[in-house]
Amino acid sequence: MTKLRINAIPDSRPVKLMIELPAEIHQDLLLYVELVLGSAGQSTDAITDAARLVPLMVGRFMETDRAFQKQRHSRVARMKSAGSGPGSAP
């Protein structure tokens, strides 16, 4: 069995996704959806499920991008030290 980075698409509220992809990337995305759903034993509706999978892929990409995480951590730390972090008064 193929070990994919994302092994299931969680059930969530549908989100309208409007992007343009090159045909080759779109074909690969649909194949990826089929592989994810097939390995999870779920039925496929590739177009609908692709729209649900893209945010997971983008999120996973950002989670594993060390340079992004380093910059994000630095920015959050600066915001907290300046008192403008989440939960602070405007």
PDB file of N, CA and C in Angstrom:
ATOM      1  N   MET A   1       0.840  -1.178   0.000  1.00  0.00           N
ATOM      2  CA  MET A   1       0.000   0.000   0.000  1.00  0.00           C
ATOM      3  C   MET A   1       0.885   1.241   0.000  1.00  0.00           C
ATOM      4  N   THR A   2       0.482   2.241  -0.764  1.00  0.00           N
ATOM      5  CA  THR A   2       1.230   3.484  -0.865  1.00  0.00           C
ATOM      6  C   THR A   2       1.045   4.310   0.395  1.00  0.00           C
ATOM      7  N   LYS A   3       2.153   4.857   0.924  1.00  0.00           N
ATOM      8  CA  LYS A   3       2.067   5.712   2.108  1.00  0.00           C
ATOM      9  C   LYS A   3       2.068   7.163   1.641  1.00  0.00           C
ATOM     10  N   LEU A   4       0.906   7.796   1.709  1.00  0.00           N
ATOM     11  CA  LEU A   4       0.751   9.186   1.306  1.00  0.00           C
ATOM     12  C   LEU A   4       0.820  10.081   2.529  1.00  0.00           C
ATOM     13  N   ARG A   5       1.170  11.322   2.346  1.00  0.00           N
ATOM     14  CA  ARG A   5       1.257  12.264   3.469  1.00  0.00           C
ATOM     15  C   ARG A   5      -0.114  12.550   4.072  1.00  0.00           C
ATOM     16  N   ILE A   6      -1.134  12.545   3.251  1.00  0.00           N
ATOM     17  CA  ILE A   6      -2.496  12.745   3.729  1.00  0.00           C
ATOM     18  C   ILE A   6      -3.220  11.437   3.491  1.00  0.00           C
ATOM     19  N   ASN A   7      -3.771  10.826   4.547  1.00  0.00           N
ATOM     20  CA  ASN A   7      -4.362   9.504   4.382  1.00  0.00           C
ATOM     21  C   ASN A   7      -5.879   9.491   4.394  1.00  0.00           C
ATOM     22  N   ALA A   8      -6.536  10.585   4.636  1.00  0.00           N
ATOM     23  CA  ALA A   8      -7.992  10.664   4.572  1.00  0.00           C
ATOM     24  C   ALA A   8      -8.400  12.124   4.477  1.00  0.00           C
ATOM     25  N   ILE A   9      -9.542  12.358   3.876  1.00  0.00           N
ATOM     26  CA  ILE A   9     -10.068  13.715   3.802  1.00  0.00           C
ATOM     27  C   ILE A   9     -11.137  13.826   4.877  1.00  0.00           C
ATOM     28  N   PRO A  10     -10.922  14.683   5.877  1.00  0.00           N
ATOM     29  CA  PRO A  10     -11.927  14.797   6.936  1.00  0.00           C
ATOM     30  C   PRO A  10     -13.232  15.374   6.394  1.00  0.00           C
ATOM     31  N   ASP A  11     -14.328  14.943   6.976  1.00  0.00           N
ATOM     32  CA  ASP A  11     -15.630  15.455   6.593  1.00  0.00           C
ATOM     33  C   ASP A  11     -15.747  16.882   7.099  1.00  0.00           C
ATOM     34  N   SER A  12     -15.973  17.815   6.207  1.00  0.00           N
ATOM     35  CA  SER A  12     -16.065  19.213   6.615  1.00  0.00           C
ATOM     36  C   SER A  12     -17.079  19.937   5.751  1.00  0.00           C
ATOM     37  N   ARG A  13     -17.389  21.140   6.141  1.00  0.00           N
ATOM     38  CA  ARG A  13     -18.325  21.973   5.391  1.00  0.00           C
ATOM     39  C   ARG A  13     -17.717  22.304   4.033  1.00  0.00           C
ATOM     40  N   PRO A  14     -18.473  22.192   2.946  1.00  0.00           N
ATOM     41  CA  PRO A  14     -17.938  22.501   1.615  1.00  0.00           C
ATOM     42  C   PRO A  14     -17.475  23.956   1.511  1.00  0.00           C
ATOM     43  N   VAL A  15     -16.405  24.162   0.788  1.00  0.00           N
ATOM     44  CA  VAL A  15     -15.850  25.494   0.563  1.00  0.00           C
ATOM     45  C   VAL A  15     -15.700  25.683  -0.937  1.00  0.00           C
ATOM     46  N   LYS A  16     -16.133  26.823  -1.425  1.00  0.00           N
ATOM     47  CA  LYS A  16     -15.991  27.101  -2.847  1.00  0.00           C
ATOM     48  C   LYS A  16     -14.545  27.478  -3.133  1.00  0.00           C
ATOM     49  N   LEU A  17     -13.930  26.789  -4.059  1.00  0.00           N
ATOM     50  CA  LEU A  17     -12.535  27.008  -4.404  1.00  0.00           C
ATOM     51  C   LEU A  17     -12.465  27.485  -5.842  1.00  0.00           C
ATOM     52  N   MET A  18     -11.854  28.639  -6.049  1.00  0.00           N
ATOM     53  CA  MET A  18     -11.750  29.175  -7.396  1.00  0.00           C
ATOM     54  C   MET A  18     -10.289  29.480  -7.702  1.00  0.00           C
ATOM     55  N   ILE A  19      -9.653  28.543  -8.390  1.00  0.00           N
ATOM     56  CA  ILE A  19      -8.270  28.719  -8.825  1.00  0.00           C
ATOM     57  C   ILE A  19      -8.138  28.168 -10.235  1.00  0.00           C
ATOM     58  N   GLU A  20      -7.099  28.571 -10.912  1.00  0.00           N
ATOM     59  CA  GLU A  20      -6.792  28.013 -12.217  1.00  0.00           C
ATOM     60  C   GLU A  20      -5.527  27.194 -12.074  1.00  0.00           C
ATOM     61  N   LEU A  21      -5.576  25.962 -12.575  1.00  0.00           N
ATOM     62  CA  LEU A  21      -4.425  25.069 -12.527  1.00  0.00           C
ATOM     63  C   LEU A  21      -4.041  24.663 -13.939  1.00  0.00           C
ATOM     64  N   PRO A  22      -2.760  24.470 -14.187  1.00  0.00           N
ATOM     65  CA  PRO A  22      -2.372  23.867 -15.457  1.00  0.00           C
ATOM     66  C   PRO A  22      -2.996  22.469 -15.550  1.00  0.00           C
ATOM     67  N   ALA A  23      -3.327  22.037 -16.758  1.00  0.00           N
ATOM     68  CA  ALA A  23      -4.002  20.751 -16.959  1.00  0.00           C
ATOM     69  C   ALA A  23      -3.246  19.595 -16.305  1.00  0.00           C
ATOM     70  N   GLU A  24      -1.932  19.584 -16.408  1.00  0.00           N
ATOM     71  CA  GLU A  24      -1.141  18.488 -15.841  1.00  0.00           C
ATOM     72  C   GLU A  24      -1.275  18.438 -14.313  1.00  0.00           C
ATOM     73  N   ILE A  25      -1.247  19.590 -13.665  1.00  0.00           N
ATOM     74  CA  ILE A  25      -1.399  19.625 -12.207  1.00  0.00           C
ATOM     75  C   ILE A  25      -2.809  19.190 -11.825  1.00  0.00           C
ATOM     76  N   HIS A  26      -3.802  19.613 -12.595  1.00  0.00           N
ATOM     77  CA  HIS A  26      -5.183  19.206 -12.317  1.00  0.00           C
ATOM     78  C   HIS A  26      -5.329  17.688 -12.420  1.00  0.00           C
ATOM     79  N   GLN A  27      -4.763  17.096 -13.451  1.00  0.00           N
ATOM     80  CA  GLN A  27      -4.825  15.637 -13.608  1.00  0.00           C
ATOM     81  C   GLN A  27      -4.138  14.944 -12.441  1.00  0.00           C
ATOM     82  N   ASP A  28      -2.982  15.443 -12.038  1.00  0.00           N
ATOM     83  CA  ASP A  28      -2.269  14.855 -10.902  1.00  0.00           C
ATOM     84  C   ASP A  28      -3.057  15.032  -9.604  1.00  0.00           C
ATOM     85  N   LEU A  29      -3.720  16.167  -9.442  1.00  0.00           N
ATOM     86  CA  LEU A  29      -4.539  16.402  -8.257  1.00  0.00           C
ATOM     87  C   LEU A  29      -5.688  15.402  -8.189  1.00  0.00           C
ATOM     88  N   LEU A  30      -6.358  15.177  -9.311  1.00  0.00           N
ATOM     89  CA  LEU A  30      -7.455  14.204  -9.334  1.00  0.00           C
ATOM     90  C   LEU A  30      -6.949  12.799  -9.034  1.00  0.00           C
ATOM     91  N   LEU A  31      -5.784  12.453  -9.561  1.00  0.00           N
ATOM     92  CA  LEU A  31      -5.190  11.151  -9.254  1.00  0.00           C
ATOM     93  C   LEU A  31      -4.865  11.052  -7.773  1.00  0.00           C
ATOM     94  N   TYR A  32      -4.323  12.114  -7.202  1.00  0.00           N
ATOM     95  CA  TYR A  32      -3.987  12.125  -5.775  1.00  0.00           C
ATOM     96  C   TYR A  32      -5.247  11.911  -4.940  1.00  0.00           C
ATOM     97  N   VAL A  33      -6.332  12.578  -5.315  1.00  0.00           N
ATOM     98  CA  VAL A  33      -7.607  12.407  -4.609  1.00  0.00           C
ATOM     99  C   VAL A  33      -8.041  10.949  -4.666  1.00  0.00           C
ATOM    100  N   GLU A  34      -7.968  10.351  -5.842  1.00  0.00           N
ATOM    101  CA  GLU A  34      -8.354   8.944  -5.980  1.00  0.00           C
ATOM    102  C   GLU A  34      -7.497   8.053  -5.095  1.00  0.00           C
ATOM    103  N   LEU A  35      -6.201   8.316  -5.038  1.00  0.00           N
ATOM    104  CA  LEU A  35      -5.307   7.509  -4.207  1.00  0.00           C
ATOM    105  C   LEU A  35      -5.609   7.689  -2.725  1.00  0.00           C
ATOM    106  N   VAL A  36      -5.846   8.933  -2.304  1.00  0.00           N
ATOM    107  CA  VAL A  36      -6.161   9.196  -0.893  1.00  0.00           C
ATOM    108  C   VAL A  36      -7.454   8.497  -0.506  1.00  0.00           C
ATOM    109  N   LEU A  37      -8.488   8.702  -1.295  1.00  0.00           N
ATOM    110  CA  LEU A  37      -9.780   8.119  -0.962  1.00  0.00           C
ATOM    111  C   LEU A  37      -9.762   6.603  -1.075  1.00  0.00           C
ATOM    112  N   GLY A  38      -9.059   6.093  -2.077  1.00  0.00           N
ATOM    113  CA  GLY A  38      -8.959   4.643  -2.237  1.00  0.00           C
ATOM    114  C   GLY A  38      -8.246   3.989  -1.074  1.00  0.00           C
ATOM    115  N   SER A  39      -7.165   4.601  -0.600  1.00  0.00           N
ATOM    116  CA  SER A  39      -6.418   4.021   0.519  1.00  0.00           C
ATOM    117  C   SER A  39      -7.185   4.150   1.825  1.00  0.00           C
ATOM    118  N   ALA A  40      -8.135   5.092   1.891  1.00  0.00           N
ATOM    119  CA  ALA A  40      -8.948   5.267   3.096  1.00  0.00           C
ATOM    120  C   ALA A  40     -10.265   4.503   2.996  1.00  0.00           C
ATOM    121  N   GLY A  41     -10.482   3.816   1.870  1.00  0.00           N
ATOM    122  CA  GLY A  41     -11.710   3.058   1.686  1.00  0.00           C
ATOM    123  C   GLY A  41     -12.932   3.931   1.476  1.00  0.00           C
ATOM    124  N   GLN A  42     -12.731   5.151   0.977  1.00  0.00           N
ATOM    125  CA  GLN A  42     -13.839   6.075   0.749  1.00  0.00           C
ATOM    126  C   GLN A  42     -14.191   6.097  -0.733  1.00  0.00           C
ATOM    127  N   SER A  43     -15.456   6.377  -1.048  1.00  0.00           N
ATOM    128  CA  SER A  43     -15.850   6.511  -2.445  1.00  0.00           C
ATOM    129  C   SER A  43     -15.349   7.859  -2.964  1.00  0.00           C
ATOM    130  N   THR A  44     -15.188   7.954  -4.277  1.00  0.00           N
ATOM    131  CA  THR A  44     -14.608   9.171  -4.843  1.00  0.00           C
ATOM    132  C   THR A  44     -15.602   9.993  -5.645  1.00  0.00           C
ATOM    133  N   ASP A  45     -15.537  11.266  -5.462  1.00  0.00           N
ATOM    134  CA  ASP A  45     -16.126  12.278  -6.324  1.00  0.00           C
ATOM    135  C   ASP A  45     -14.970  13.255  -6.501  1.00  0.00           C
ATOM    136  N   ALA A  46     -14.081  12.932  -7.441  1.00  0.00           N
ATOM    137  CA  ALA A  46     -12.775  13.579  -7.535  1.00  0.00           C
ATOM    138  C   ALA A  46     -12.836  15.100  -7.568  1.00  0.00           C
ATOM    139  N   ILE A  47     -13.760  15.669  -8.316  1.00  0.00           N
ATOM    140  CA  ILE A  47     -13.803  17.128  -8.421  1.00  0.00           C
ATOM    141  C   ILE A  47     -14.172  17.754  -7.080  1.00  0.00           C
ATOM    142  N   THR A  48     -15.239  17.273  -6.456  1.00  0.00           N
ATOM    143  CA  THR A  48     -15.653  17.799  -5.154  1.00  0.00           C
ATOM    144  C   THR A  48     -14.578  17.565  -4.111  1.00  0.00           C
ATOM    145  N   ASP A  49     -14.020  16.354  -4.088  1.00  0.00           N
ATOM    146  CA  ASP A  49     -13.020  16.024  -3.083  1.00  0.00           C
ATOM    147  C   ASP A  49     -11.706  16.763  -3.309  1.00  0.00           C
ATOM    148  N   ALA A  50     -11.397  17.124  -4.556  1.00  0.00           N
ATOM    149  CA  ALA A  50     -10.188  17.909  -4.822  1.00  0.00           C
ATOM    150  C   ALA A  50     -10.293  19.266  -4.137  1.00  0.00           C
ATOM    151  N   ALA A  51     -11.469  19.867  -4.177  1.00  0.00           N
ATOM    152  CA  ALA A  51     -11.663  21.165  -3.527  1.00  0.00           C
ATOM    153  C   ALA A  51     -11.495  21.047  -2.018  1.00  0.00           C
ATOM    154  N   ARG A  52     -11.818  19.886  -1.456  1.00  0.00           N
ATOM    155  CA  ARG A  52     -11.640  19.675  -0.016  1.00  0.00           C
ATOM    156  C   ARG A  52     -10.199  19.297   0.314  1.00  0.00           C
ATOM    157  N   LEU A  53      -9.503  18.697  -0.637  1.00  0.00           N
ATOM    158  CA  LEU A  53      -8.136  18.246  -0.396  1.00  0.00           C
ATOM    159  C   LEU A  53      -7.112  19.380  -0.504  1.00  0.00           C
ATOM    160  N   VAL A  54      -7.331  20.323  -1.405  1.00  0.00           N
ATOM    161  CA  VAL A  54      -6.352  21.395  -1.633  1.00  0.00           C
ATOM    162  C   VAL A  54      -6.005  22.154  -0.353  1.00  0.00           C
ATOM    163  N   PRO A  55      -6.979  22.577   0.474  1.00  0.00           N
ATOM    164  CA  PRO A  55      -6.598  23.265   1.712  1.00  0.00           C
ATOM    165  C   PRO A  55      -5.743  22.392   2.637  1.00  0.00           C
ATOM    166  N   LEU A  56      -6.015  21.083   2.658  1.00  0.00           N
ATOM    167  CA  LEU A  56      -5.194  20.181   3.473  1.00  0.00           C
ATOM    168  C   LEU A  56      -3.769  20.115   2.941  1.00  0.00           C
ATOM    169  N   MET A  57      -3.646  20.077   1.614  1.00  0.00           N
ATOM    170  CA  MET A  57      -2.323  20.013   0.995  1.00  0.00           C
ATOM    171  C   MET A  57      -1.540  21.298   1.261  1.00  0.00           C
ATOM    172  N   VAL A  58      -2.211  22.429   1.114  1.00  0.00           N
ATOM    173  CA  VAL A  58      -1.545  23.716   1.354  1.00  0.00           C
ATOM    174  C   VAL A  58      -1.139  23.821   2.818  1.00  0.00           C
ATOM    175  N   GLY A  59      -2.050  23.433   3.712  1.00  0.00           N
ATOM    176  CA  GLY A  59      -1.733  23.459   5.139  1.00  0.00           C
ATOM    177  C   GLY A  59      -0.562  22.561   5.477  1.00  0.00           C
ATOM    178  N   ARG A  60      -0.556  21.348   4.914  1.00  0.00           N
ATOM    179  CA  ARG A  60       0.532  20.404   5.167  1.00  0.00           C
ATOM    180  C   ARG A  60       1.853  20.949   4.618  1.00  0.00           C
ATOM    181  N   PHE A  61       1.783  21.560   3.440  1.00  0.00           N
ATOM    182  CA  PHE A  61       2.975  22.146   2.835  1.00  0.00           C
ATOM    183  C   PHE A  61       3.569  23.212   3.753  1.00  0.00           C
ATOM    184  N   MET A  62       2.713  24.094   4.269  1.00  0.00           N
ATOM    185  CA  MET A  62       3.203  25.160   5.142  1.00  0.00           C
ATOM    186  C   MET A  62       3.708  24.608   6.469  1.00  0.00           C
ATOM    187  N   GLU A  63       3.062  23.552   6.992  1.00  0.00           N
ATOM    188  CA  GLU A  63       3.525  22.926   8.240  1.00  0.00           C
ATOM    189  C   GLU A  63       4.930  22.360   8.102  1.00  0.00           C
ATOM    190  N   THR A  64       5.246  21.846   6.925  1.00  0.00           N
ATOM    191  CA  THR A  64       6.532  21.175   6.737  1.00  0.00           C
ATOM    192  C   THR A  64       7.597  22.067   6.101  1.00  0.00           C
ATOM    193  N   ASP A  65       7.258  23.316   5.815  1.00  0.00           N
ATOM    194  CA  ASP A  65       8.226  24.258   5.252  1.00  0.00           C
ATOM    195  C   ASP A  65       8.959  24.928   6.411  1.00  0.00           C
ATOM    196  N   ARG A  66      10.170  24.505   6.658  1.00  0.00           N
ATOM    197  CA  ARG A  66      10.928  24.995   7.814  1.00  0.00           C
ATOM    198  C   ARG A  66      11.190  26.493   7.763  1.00  0.00           C
ATOM    199  N   ALA A  67      11.499  27.002   6.588  1.00  0.00           N
ATOM    200  CA  ALA A  67      11.763  28.438   6.474  1.00  0.00           C
ATOM    201  C   ALA A  67      10.501  29.235   6.802  1.00  0.00           C
ATOM    202  N   PHE A  68       9.357  28.771   6.307  1.00  0.00           N
ATOM    203  CA  PHE A  68       8.099  29.452   6.616  1.00  0.00           C
ATOM    204  C   PHE A  68       7.802  29.386   8.106  1.00  0.00           C
ATOM    205  N   GLN A  69       7.966  28.211   8.708  1.00  0.00           N
ATOM    206  CA  GLN A  69       7.674  28.054  10.130  1.00  0.00           C
ATOM    207  C   GLN A  69       8.576  28.947  10.981  1.00  0.00           C
ATOM    208  N   LYS A  70       9.837  29.060  10.577  1.00  0.00           N
ATOM    209  CA  LYS A  70      10.768  29.913  11.316  1.00  0.00           C
ATOM    210  C   LYS A  70      10.312  31.374  11.253  1.00  0.00           C
ATOM    211  N   GLN A  71       9.964  31.837  10.052  1.00  0.00           N
ATOM    212  CA  GLN A  71       9.494  33.217   9.889  1.00  0.00           C
ATOM    213  C   GLN A  71       8.172  33.435  10.621  1.00  0.00           C
ATOM    214  N   ARG A  72       7.291  32.463  10.546  1.00  0.00           N
ATOM    215  CA  ARG A  72       5.997  32.565  11.229  1.00  0.00           C
ATOM    216  C   ARG A  72       6.196  32.659  12.738  1.00  0.00           C
ATOM    217  N   HIS A  73       7.067  31.810  13.265  1.00  0.00           N
ATOM    218  CA  HIS A  73       7.345  31.819  14.701  1.00  0.00           C
ATOM    219  C   HIS A  73       7.937  33.170  15.119  1.00  0.00           C
ATOM    220  N   SER A  74       8.863  33.692  14.324  1.00  0.00           N
ATOM    221  CA  SER A  74       9.471  34.995  14.627  1.00  0.00           C
ATOM    222  C   SER A  74       8.430  36.101  14.617  1.00  0.00           C
ATOM    223  N   ARG A  75       7.546  36.070  13.642  1.00  0.00           N
ATOM    224  CA  ARG A  75       6.511  37.104  13.536  1.00  0.00           C
ATOM    225  C   ARG A  75       5.551  37.035  14.717  1.00  0.00           C
ATOM    226  N   VAL A  76       5.130  35.822  15.091  1.00  0.00           N
ATOM    227  CA  VAL A  76       4.227  35.660  16.235  1.00  0.00           C
ATOM    228  C   VAL A  76       4.903  36.148  17.507  1.00  0.00           C
ATOM    229  N   ALA A  77       6.195  35.819  17.684  1.00  0.00           N
ATOM    230  CA  ALA A  77       6.928  36.253  18.876  1.00  0.00           C
ATOM    231  C   ALA A  77       7.024  37.777  18.923  1.00  0.00           C
ATOM    232  N   ARG A  78       7.296  38.416  17.781  1.00  0.00           N
ATOM    233  CA  ARG A  78       7.365  39.884  17.732  1.00  0.00           C
ATOM    234  C   ARG A  78       6.016  40.504  18.060  1.00  0.00           C
ATOM    235  N   MET A  79       4.938  39.914  17.537  1.00  0.00           N
ATOM    236  CA  MET A  79       3.599  40.443  17.806  1.00  0.00           C
ATOM    237  C   MET A  79       3.259  40.316  19.283  1.00  0.00           C
ATOM    238  N   LYS A  80       3.625  39.193  19.884  1.00  0.00           N
ATOM    239  CA  LYS A  80       3.345  38.998  21.309  1.00  0.00           C
ATOM    240  C   LYS A  80       4.151  39.975  22.153  1.00  0.00           C
ATOM    241  N   SER A  81       5.416  40.179  21.806  1.00  0.00           N
ATOM    242  CA  SER A  81       6.245  41.095  22.593  1.00  0.00           C
ATOM    243  C   SER A  81       5.794  42.546  22.421  1.00  0.00           C
ATOM    244  N   ALA A  82       5.175  42.845  21.286  1.00  0.00           N
ATOM    245  CA  ALA A  82       4.668  44.199  21.053  1.00  0.00           C
ATOM    246  C   ALA A  82       3.263  44.374  21.618  1.00  0.00           C
ATOM    247  N   GLY A  83       2.687  43.287  22.130  1.00  0.00           N
ATOM    248  CA  GLY A  83       1.350  43.368  22.713  1.00  0.00           C
ATOM    249  C   GLY A  83       0.232  43.389  21.709  1.00  0.00           C
ATOM    250  N   SER A  84       0.520  42.989  20.465  1.00  0.00           N
ATOM    251  CA  SER A  84      -0.536  42.992  19.456  1.00  0.00           C
ATOM    252  C   SER A  84      -0.901  41.590  19.014  1.00  0.00           C
ATOM    253  N   GLY A  85      -0.616  40.615  19.843  1.00  0.00           N
ATOM    254  CA  GLY A  85      -0.924  39.235  19.505  1.00  0.00           C
ATOM    255  C   GLY A  85      -2.391  38.932  19.651  1.00  0.00           C
ATOM    256  N   PRO A  86      -2.777  37.701  19.270  1.00  0.00           N
ATOM    257  CA  PRO A  86      -4.171  37.307  19.414  1.00  0.00           C
ATOM    258  C   PRO A  86      -4.616  37.439  20.863  1.00  0.00           C
ATOM    259  N   GLY A  87      -5.796  37.986  21.067  1.00  0.00           N
ATOM    260  CA  GLY A  87      -6.336  38.128  22.413  1.00  0.00           C
ATOM    261  C   GLY A  87      -6.007  39.447  23.081  1.00  0.00           C
ATOM    262  N   SER A  88      -5.147  40.267  22.465  1.00  0.00           N
ATOM    263  CA  SER A  88      -4.824  41.557  23.082  1.00  0.00           C
ATOM    264  C   SER A  88      -5.873  42.587  22.687  1.00  0.00           C
ATOM    265  N   ALA A  89      -6.035  43.572  23.497  1.00  0.00           N
ATOM    266  CA  ALA A  89      -7.033  44.615  23.234  1.00  0.00           C
ATOM    267  C   ALA A  89      -6.581  45.499  22.087  1.00  0.00           C
ATOM    268  N   PRO A  90      -7.529  45.963  21.237  1.00  0.00           N
ATOM    269  CA  PRO A  90      -7.151  46.839  20.112  1.00  0.00           C
ATOM    270  C   PRO A  90      -6.720  48.211  20.567  1.00  0.00           C
TER     271      PRO A  90
END
